[in-house]
Amino acid sequence: MSSNSAQSESINNPGFLKVDLLLKGIYLDKSARESDQIKRALAISKDLGLSSELDILLPCQIIVNVAFEEDASNTPYSLIKKNGSFLVSTGDESVEVEVIAPPSYYDKKTKTGVPFANIAKLYGEYLIVSPTRECEFLTKDLACFYCDVESRVDKKRSVEEVIETIKAVSKSNPVNLVCLNTGYEATPDGGIKAIEPYIKEIKKRFDVLIAVQAQPPLEDEWIDYTYALGVDSLAYNLEVYDPDIFAKIAPGKQQVIGRTRYLEALRRAAKVFPKGAVVSNLIIGVEPISSTIKGINALASMGVIPTLPILNTSSDELESAESLSVDDIAKVFLHLNRTLRKYKIADSWVSHANIAMNAIDGTHFGGDAAYKSRLDNLLKSRRGSKIARNLTKIRRSLRVKKVKD
């Protein structure tokens, strides 16, 4: 396929376009850069020290978080503004998109003077909260190759600061799910006790679903404990399936926890939590595509949903890295879509992520559009979200077990 024809296929297919934008970024044309919306986004990013990126709503309600390229020659895509509308353009063809403005809370602060954006990031209707950016792998020189946590350890945020942040976000943005993200802590519980006060207070104050991203605990009883606390969705992020590559690029995870323990904990969690509520990242770009596909098969067979962030790196930076093409990546997402259908796992928990690809996006690579529609319906409506929350409460009351405190 020629470069021009491949580009044409990408811009006319929102699934392909999301992948290509994640890989190649976008150049801001003067017409877009001078718009008030883009000016505000750039100003906020600069003030908060955030990377230059933008949320764009593509056709079919697909959201992508795309990085800006300063040099137009580095990407085939430009964001332009014409007749009051934003367009993603390749020069020959264009498609109308919607630029999602930075949330109004981004340039506001807590009573203690901390920018809300330093505590929480909004992705669609998912709010990612980091009560602490600390990860003990960093202090032990065992950081993962792909880690985006700075070596500087930020102050731990109080429960009051987190609650204040969620309130501020909820005033102007719908929030259906709050995800609490924690790094590695050298405790048997995998860090769940450290964020327990946040979970309890959020459940008390807000009618939202709660997800947790943590490291696997030493013993399975802590997985039961996590569910009993009121956590609705749980992620233990394996990141890499190949055992040798896992050991090389995730030295902390390998030496302290072990790949086997990740898989054991995910298997256990999938038995405790509702079907489709356990998630694990597999990063595309750090291992051969064939290995990522094996990982998809292994996780889905347990009842775990693989989510697929894309890391566009080179073999100069990482020996195991493969050159990524849109066609190859499309095959992976189509395989994910079909594999989850095979195991009858609904991808509704992560269906509106803008920083990773998922099975819903995979329907645009040849999947069943009707399947996408069925999965989208439940959590997309406010009523559906409330039903989902009530169902998780009922199920939990029937299944919670007593575990060690």
Protein backbone atom coordinates (compact mmCIF):
# COMPACT_ATOMS: atom_id res chain seq x y z
CA MET A 1 0.00 0.00 0.00
CA SER A 2 1.40 3.40 -0.94
CA SER A 3 1.92 6.11 1.67
CA ASN A 4 -0.84 8.27 0.16
CA SER A 5 -3.39 5.44 0.02
CA ALA A 6 -2.53 4.37 3.56
CA GLN A 7 -3.00 7.95 4.74
CA SER A 8 -6.34 8.15 2.94
CA GLU A 9 -7.53 4.95 4.60
CA SER A 10 -6.43 6.25 8.00
CA ILE A 11 -8.20 9.58 7.80
CA ASN A 12 -11.47 7.99 6.65
CA ASN A 13 -11.45 5.30 9.36
CA PRO A 14 -11.54 6.61 12.95
CA GLY A 15 -9.88 3.47 14.31
CA PHE A 16 -6.92 3.76 11.94
CA LEU A 17 -6.81 7.51 12.47
CA LYS A 18 -6.56 7.15 16.25
CA VAL A 19 -3.62 4.74 15.89
CA ASP A 20 -1.84 6.93 13.37
CA LEU A 21 -2.29 10.05 15.50
CA LEU A 22 -0.94 8.22 18.55
CA LEU A 23 2.09 7.19 16.51
CA LYS A 24 2.76 10.37 14.57
CA GLY A 25 1.24 13.28 16.48
CA ILE A 26 -0.26 16.34 14.84
CA TYR A 27 0.98 19.75 13.70
CA LEU A 28 -0.98 22.84 14.74
CA ASP A 29 -1.69 25.00 11.72
CA LYS A 30 -1.66 28.76 12.32
CA SER A 31 -5.45 28.87 11.96
CA ALA A 32 -5.81 26.40 14.84
CA ARG A 33 -2.98 27.77 16.98
CA GLU A 34 -4.56 31.24 17.01
CA SER A 35 -7.97 30.00 18.16
CA ASP A 36 -8.91 30.85 21.75
CA GLN A 37 -9.48 27.17 22.56
CA ILE A 38 -5.98 26.10 21.51
CA LYS A 39 -4.36 29.15 23.10
CA ARG A 40 -5.91 28.22 26.45
CA ALA A 41 -4.81 24.58 26.11
CA LEU A 42 -1.23 25.61 25.35
CA ALA A 43 -1.15 28.13 28.19
CA ILE A 44 -2.41 25.61 30.74
CA SER A 45 0.09 22.98 29.58
CA LYS A 46 2.94 25.48 29.90
CA ASP A 47 1.88 26.78 33.33
CA LEU A 48 1.53 23.28 34.79
CA GLY A 49 4.59 21.82 33.11
CA LEU A 50 2.42 19.32 31.23
CA SER A 51 3.34 17.79 27.89
CA SER A 52 1.89 19.52 24.82
CA GLU A 53 -1.10 17.41 23.90
CA LEU A 54 -4.78 17.72 23.15
CA ASP A 55 -7.92 15.62 23.40
CA ILE A 56 -9.64 15.32 20.03
CA LEU A 57 -13.03 13.73 19.40
CA LEU A 58 -12.93 11.80 16.13
CA PRO A 59 -15.94 10.50 14.18
CA CYS A 60 -17.88 7.66 15.85
CA GLN A 61 -17.20 9.21 19.28
CA ILE A 62 -13.59 8.00 19.43
CA ILE A 63 -11.38 10.13 21.67
CA VAL A 64 -7.63 10.41 21.18
CA ASN A 65 -5.03 12.22 23.25
CA VAL A 66 -2.56 13.42 20.62
CA ALA A 67 0.81 15.11 21.01
CA PHE A 68 1.70 18.32 19.17
CA GLU A 69 4.58 18.29 16.69
CA GLU A 70 6.47 21.57 16.37
CA ASP A 71 7.74 20.73 12.87
CA ALA A 72 5.12 20.05 10.18
CA SER A 73 7.55 17.72 8.39
CA ASN A 74 7.46 15.29 11.34
CA THR A 75 3.83 14.29 10.78
CA PRO A 76 1.41 13.99 7.85
CA TYR A 77 -1.40 15.42 9.99
CA SER A 78 -2.32 19.04 10.64
CA LEU A 79 -5.06 20.47 12.81
CA ILE A 80 -6.67 23.41 11.03
CA LYS A 81 -9.65 25.64 11.73
CA LYS A 82 -11.91 26.51 8.83
CA ASN A 83 -15.32 28.18 8.85
CA GLY A 84 -15.54 27.77 12.62
CA SER A 85 -14.81 24.03 12.59
CA PHE A 86 -11.67 22.05 13.41
CA LEU A 87 -10.36 19.61 10.81
CA VAL A 88 -7.65 16.96 10.85
CA SER A 89 -6.02 17.29 7.45
CA THR A 90 -3.41 15.46 5.39
CA GLY A 91 -3.41 18.21 2.78
CA ASP A 92 -5.34 16.14 0.25
CA GLU A 93 -8.13 15.04 2.56
CA SER A 94 -9.62 16.16 5.84
CA VAL A 95 -12.16 15.06 8.41
CA GLU A 96 -14.11 17.25 10.81
CA VAL A 97 -13.30 16.71 14.49
CA GLU A 98 -14.09 18.31 17.82
CA VAL A 99 -11.34 19.73 20.00
CA ILE A 100 -12.12 18.96 23.63
CA ALA A 101 -11.27 21.98 25.73
CA PRO A 102 -9.10 21.46 28.82
CA PRO A 103 -11.40 21.04 31.82
CA SER A 104 -12.15 24.32 33.58
CA TYR A 105 -10.61 23.03 36.81
CA TYR A 106 -7.14 22.63 35.26
CA ASP A 107 -6.04 26.18 36.06
CA LYS A 108 -7.54 26.24 39.57
CA LYS A 109 -6.06 25.19 42.90
CA THR A 110 -6.99 23.52 46.18
CA LYS A 111 -7.25 25.49 49.41
CA THR A 112 -3.68 24.37 50.13
CA GLY A 113 -2.44 25.88 46.87
CA VAL A 114 -1.97 22.69 44.84
CA PRO A 115 -3.18 22.82 41.21
CA PHE A 116 -6.09 20.43 40.75
CA ALA A 117 -4.39 19.19 37.57
CA ASN A 118 -1.44 17.96 39.66
CA ILE A 119 -3.78 15.69 41.59
CA ALA A 120 -6.18 14.45 38.92
CA LYS A 121 -6.45 14.14 35.14
CA LEU A 122 -9.76 13.80 33.31
CA TYR A 123 -10.01 11.36 30.38
CA GLY A 124 -13.51 11.47 28.95
CA GLU A 125 -15.66 10.72 32.00
CA TYR A 126 -12.84 8.87 33.78
CA LEU A 127 -10.93 10.79 36.46
CA ILE A 128 -7.44 9.46 37.20
CA VAL A 129 -6.29 10.43 40.69
CA SER A 130 -2.76 9.95 42.01
CA PRO A 131 -2.81 10.44 45.79
CA THR A 132 0.96 10.02 45.61
CA ARG A 133 3.35 9.84 42.67
CA GLU A 134 5.74 7.80 44.75
CA CYS A 135 7.03 4.46 43.47
CA GLU A 136 9.73 2.69 45.47
CA PHE A 137 11.18 1.19 42.28
CA LEU A 138 12.45 4.70 41.47
CA THR A 139 14.35 5.05 44.73
CA LYS A 140 15.91 1.60 44.26
CA ASP A 141 17.04 2.25 40.67
CA LEU A 142 14.57 -0.38 39.44
CA ALA A 143 12.31 1.86 37.37
CA CYS A 144 10.51 0.40 34.36
CA PHE A 145 11.83 1.50 30.96
CA TYR A 146 8.48 2.99 29.94
CA CYS A 147 7.74 4.70 33.28
CA ASP A 148 6.38 8.26 33.07
CA VAL A 149 6.71 8.98 36.79
CA GLU A 150 9.33 11.62 37.44
CA SER A 151 12.29 10.75 39.65
CA ARG A 152 11.19 13.56 41.95
CA VAL A 153 8.73 12.26 44.53
CA ASP A 154 5.75 14.54 44.99
CA LYS A 155 4.17 15.15 48.36
CA LYS A 156 1.39 12.73 49.20
CA ARG A 157 -2.00 14.36 48.73
CA SER A 158 -4.39 14.32 51.67
CA VAL A 159 -7.84 12.77 51.51
CA GLU A 160 -9.28 16.28 51.86
CA GLU A 161 -7.31 17.54 48.84
CA VAL A 162 -8.49 14.60 46.73
CA ILE A 163 -12.12 15.09 47.74
CA GLU A 164 -11.86 18.82 47.02
CA THR A 165 -10.44 18.01 43.59
CA ILE A 166 -13.21 15.56 42.70
CA LYS A 167 -15.82 18.12 43.78
CA ALA A 168 -14.24 20.78 41.59
CA VAL A 169 -14.12 18.47 38.58
CA SER A 170 -17.70 17.26 39.05
CA LYS A 171 -19.09 20.80 39.01
CA SER A 172 -18.28 21.26 35.33
CA ASN A 173 -17.62 17.75 33.99
CA PRO A 174 -19.52 14.47 34.23
CA VAL A 175 -17.49 11.89 36.16
CA ASN A 176 -18.61 8.27 36.05
CA LEU A 177 -15.47 6.59 37.30
CA VAL A 178 -12.62 7.60 39.61
CA CYS A 179 -9.42 5.62 39.19
CA LEU A 180 -6.91 5.69 42.05
CA ASN A 181 -3.40 5.09 40.80
CA THR A 182 -0.56 4.01 43.08
CA GLY A 183 3.04 2.99 42.49
CA TYR A 184 4.90 0.17 44.21
CA GLU A 185 5.01 0.20 48.00
CA ALA A 186 6.94 -2.46 49.90
CA THR A 187 3.95 -3.79 51.82
CA PRO A 188 2.24 -7.22 51.67
CA ASP A 189 -1.05 -5.65 50.54
CA GLY A 190 0.40 -4.13 47.36
CA GLY A 191 -0.49 -0.60 48.46
CA ILE A 192 -4.24 -1.04 48.91
CA LYS A 193 -4.15 -0.10 52.62
CA ALA A 194 -2.47 3.21 51.75
CA ILE A 195 -5.35 4.23 49.48
CA GLU A 196 -8.13 2.69 51.59
CA PRO A 197 -9.04 6.03 53.26
CA TYR A 198 -9.46 7.61 49.81
CA ILE A 199 -11.69 4.77 48.61
CA LYS A 200 -13.94 4.96 51.66
CA GLU A 201 -14.33 8.74 51.53
CA ILE A 202 -15.01 8.79 47.79
CA LYS A 203 -17.66 6.07 48.15
CA LYS A 204 -19.25 8.09 50.95
CA ARG A 205 -19.27 11.43 49.10
CA PHE A 206 -19.84 10.55 45.42
CA ASP A 207 -22.05 8.24 43.39
CA VAL A 208 -19.28 6.97 41.11
CA LEU A 209 -17.58 3.74 40.21
CA ILE A 210 -14.08 3.27 41.64
CA ALA A 211 -11.16 1.65 39.88
CA VAL A 212 -7.72 0.97 41.33
CA GLN A 213 -4.39 0.55 39.57
CA ALA A 214 -1.92 -1.09 41.94
CA GLN A 215 0.73 -3.78 42.20
CA PRO A 216 -0.24 -7.38 43.04
CA PRO A 217 -0.29 -8.15 46.78
CA LEU A 218 1.79 -10.99 48.20
CA GLU A 219 -1.31 -12.97 49.17
CA ASP A 220 -4.65 -13.42 47.42
CA GLU A 221 -6.65 -12.42 50.49
CA TRP A 222 -5.80 -8.79 49.76
CA ILE A 223 -7.55 -9.10 46.41
CA ASP A 224 -10.71 -10.14 48.27
CA TYR A 225 -10.12 -7.24 50.65
CA THR A 226 -9.90 -4.81 47.74
CA TYR A 227 -13.25 -5.96 46.39
CA ALA A 228 -14.85 -5.80 49.84
CA LEU A 229 -13.73 -2.16 50.20
CA GLY A 230 -15.99 -1.18 47.32
CA VAL A 231 -13.54 -1.17 44.43
CA ASP A 232 -15.43 -1.85 41.19
CA SER A 233 -12.56 -2.41 38.76
CA LEU A 234 -8.98 -3.51 39.40
CA ALA A 235 -5.82 -3.27 37.30
CA TYR A 236 -2.53 -5.08 37.84
CA ASN A 237 -0.57 -3.92 34.82
CA LEU A 238 1.67 -6.66 33.45
CA GLU A 239 2.74 -4.33 30.58
CA VAL A 240 4.92 -6.94 28.81
CA TYR A 241 4.08 -10.60 28.19
CA ASP A 242 7.41 -12.03 26.98
CA PRO A 243 9.25 -13.32 30.12
CA ASP A 244 12.75 -12.30 29.03
CA ILE A 245 11.74 -8.83 27.85
CA PHE A 246 9.64 -8.35 31.00
CA ALA A 247 12.70 -9.03 33.17
CA LYS A 248 14.84 -6.65 31.16
CA ILE A 249 12.62 -3.58 30.92
CA ALA A 250 10.66 -3.97 34.19
CA PRO A 251 13.47 -4.93 36.61
CA GLY A 252 11.59 -3.83 39.71
CA LYS A 253 8.48 -5.80 38.83
CA GLN A 254 10.57 -8.87 38.01
CA GLN A 255 12.89 -8.81 41.03
CA VAL A 256 10.42 -7.74 43.70
CA ILE A 257 7.08 -9.17 42.52
CA GLY A 258 7.74 -11.51 39.60
CA ARG A 259 5.88 -12.06 36.35
CA THR A 260 4.32 -15.26 37.68
CA ARG A 261 2.78 -13.41 40.60
CA TYR A 262 1.21 -10.87 38.24
CA LEU A 263 -0.51 -13.64 36.31
CA GLU A 264 -1.60 -15.44 39.50
CA ALA A 265 -3.06 -12.26 40.97
CA LEU A 266 -4.89 -11.39 37.75
CA ARG A 267 -6.37 -14.88 37.59
CA ARG A 268 -7.58 -14.59 41.19
CA ALA A 269 -8.96 -11.08 40.69
CA ALA A 270 -10.94 -12.20 37.64
CA LYS A 271 -12.68 -14.79 39.84
CA VAL A 272 -13.52 -12.28 42.58
CA PHE A 273 -14.57 -9.23 40.54
CA PRO A 274 -17.42 -9.09 37.99
CA LYS A 275 -16.61 -10.35 34.53
CA GLY A 276 -14.82 -7.66 32.55
CA ALA A 277 -13.87 -5.57 35.60
CA VAL A 278 -10.23 -6.72 35.81
CA VAL A 279 -7.79 -5.00 33.48
CA SER A 280 -4.12 -5.23 32.57
CA ASN A 281 -2.00 -3.14 30.20
CA LEU A 282 0.06 -4.72 27.45
CA ILE A 283 2.22 -2.04 25.85
CA ILE A 284 2.49 -2.24 22.09
CA GLY A 285 5.98 -1.38 20.91
CA VAL A 286 8.21 -2.89 23.58
CA GLU A 287 7.99 -6.51 22.43
CA PRO A 288 7.21 -8.31 19.16
CA ILE A 289 3.59 -8.04 18.04
CA SER A 290 3.35 -11.84 18.14
CA SER A 291 4.17 -11.76 21.85
CA THR A 292 1.53 -9.10 22.53
CA ILE A 293 -1.04 -11.31 20.79
CA LYS A 294 -0.02 -14.24 23.02
CA GLY A 295 -0.52 -11.95 26.01
CA ILE A 296 -3.99 -10.98 24.79
CA ASN A 297 -4.93 -14.65 24.51
CA ALA A 298 -3.57 -15.50 27.96
CA LEU A 299 -5.25 -12.60 29.76
CA ALA A 300 -8.60 -12.95 28.01
CA SER A 301 -8.71 -16.68 28.77
CA MET A 302 -8.58 -15.73 32.48
CA GLY A 303 -11.37 -13.19 32.08
CA VAL A 304 -9.00 -10.19 32.14
CA ILE A 305 -9.37 -7.31 29.66
CA PRO A 306 -6.09 -6.30 27.99
CA THR A 307 -5.74 -2.59 27.28
CA LEU A 308 -3.13 -1.61 24.75
CA PRO A 309 -1.18 1.63 25.17
CA ILE A 310 1.15 2.35 22.26
CA LEU A 311 4.79 3.23 22.94
CA ASN A 312 6.42 4.44 19.77
CA THR A 313 10.09 3.74 20.40
CA SER A 314 13.01 2.54 18.30
CA SER A 315 15.43 -0.39 18.47
CA ASP A 316 18.13 2.17 19.29
CA GLU A 317 16.31 2.94 22.54
CA LEU A 318 15.07 -0.58 23.22
CA GLU A 319 16.50 -3.70 21.61
CA SER A 320 13.18 -5.58 21.72
CA ALA A 321 11.25 -2.76 20.02
CA GLU A 322 9.63 -3.38 16.64
CA SER A 323 8.96 -0.82 13.95
CA LEU A 324 5.26 -0.07 14.29
CA SER A 325 2.98 0.16 11.27
CA VAL A 326 -0.69 1.06 11.36
CA ASP A 327 -1.61 -2.15 9.54
CA ASP A 328 0.22 -4.36 12.06
CA ILE A 329 -1.29 -2.51 14.99
CA ALA A 330 -4.75 -2.73 13.43
CA LYS A 331 -4.40 -6.52 13.33
CA VAL A 332 -3.66 -6.55 17.06
CA PHE A 333 -6.76 -4.52 17.93
CA LEU A 334 -8.96 -6.57 15.65
CA HIS A 335 -7.58 -9.68 17.35
CA LEU A 336 -8.35 -8.14 20.76
CA ASN A 337 -11.91 -7.37 19.69
CA ARG A 338 -12.51 -10.91 18.43
CA THR A 339 -10.82 -12.53 21.43
CA LEU A 340 -12.99 -10.68 23.94
CA ARG A 341 -16.05 -11.66 21.94
CA LYS A 342 -14.87 -15.28 22.01
CA TYR A 343 -14.71 -15.22 25.81
CA LYS A 344 -17.87 -13.08 26.09
CA ILE A 345 -16.11 -10.27 27.97
CA ALA A 346 -17.63 -6.79 27.69
CA ASP A 347 -15.08 -4.00 27.33
CA SER A 348 -17.32 -1.32 28.85
CA TRP A 349 -14.97 -0.38 31.70
CA VAL A 350 -12.32 1.01 29.37
CA SER A 351 -14.35 1.78 26.26
CA HIS A 352 -13.81 5.54 26.28
CA ALA A 353 -10.08 5.74 27.05
CA ASN A 354 -8.24 8.32 24.98
CA ILE A 355 -4.64 7.34 25.74
CA ALA A 356 -4.85 3.67 24.80
CA MET A 357 -6.63 1.52 22.27
CA ASN A 358 -9.24 -1.04 23.26
CA ALA A 359 -11.62 -3.57 21.76
CA ILE A 360 -14.29 -0.94 21.07
CA ASP A 361 -11.82 0.93 18.87
CA GLY A 362 -10.91 -2.41 17.31
CA THR A 363 -14.37 -2.69 15.76
CA HIS A 364 -13.25 -0.08 13.22
CA PHE A 365 -10.57 -2.47 11.92
CA GLY A 366 -13.17 -4.90 10.62
CA GLY A 367 -15.09 -5.84 13.75
CA ASP A 368 -18.83 -5.98 14.29
CA ALA A 369 -20.32 -2.48 14.47
CA ALA A 370 -23.43 -3.86 16.16
CA TYR A 371 -21.20 -5.29 18.92
CA LYS A 372 -19.73 -1.83 19.47
CA SER A 373 -23.20 -0.33 19.73
CA ARG A 374 -24.34 -2.88 22.32
CA LEU A 375 -21.29 -2.34 24.52
CA ASP A 376 -21.44 1.44 24.27
CA ASN A 377 -25.03 1.76 25.42
CA LEU A 378 -24.83 0.83 29.11
CA LEU A 379 -22.15 3.12 30.53
CA LYS A 380 -22.69 5.91 28.01
CA SER A 381 -25.94 7.09 29.55
CA ARG A 382 -26.26 8.53 33.04
CA ARG A 383 -29.09 6.10 33.76
CA GLY A 384 -26.96 3.21 32.54
CA SER A 385 -24.11 4.32 34.78
CA LYS A 386 -26.39 4.35 37.81
CA ILE A 387 -27.69 0.88 36.96
CA ALA A 388 -24.12 -0.38 36.69
CA ARG A 389 -23.22 1.09 40.09
CA ASN A 390 -26.28 -0.44 41.74
CA LEU A 391 -25.58 -3.85 40.22
CA THR A 392 -22.03 -3.83 41.56
CA LYS A 393 -23.34 -3.00 45.06
CA ILE A 394 -25.82 -5.89 44.95
CA ARG A 395 -23.24 -8.34 43.66
CA ARG A 396 -20.70 -7.26 46.29
CA SER A 397 -23.19 -7.77 49.14
CA LEU A 398 -23.67 -11.35 47.96
CA ARG A 399 -19.99 -12.21 47.43
CA VAL A 400 -17.87 -10.29 49.97
CA LYS A 401 -15.73 -12.52 52.14
CA LYS A 402 -14.12 -11.82 55.51
CA VAL A 403 -10.40 -11.24 55.25
CA LYS A 404 -7.59 -10.08 57.49
CA ASP A 405 -7.52 -6.43 58.47
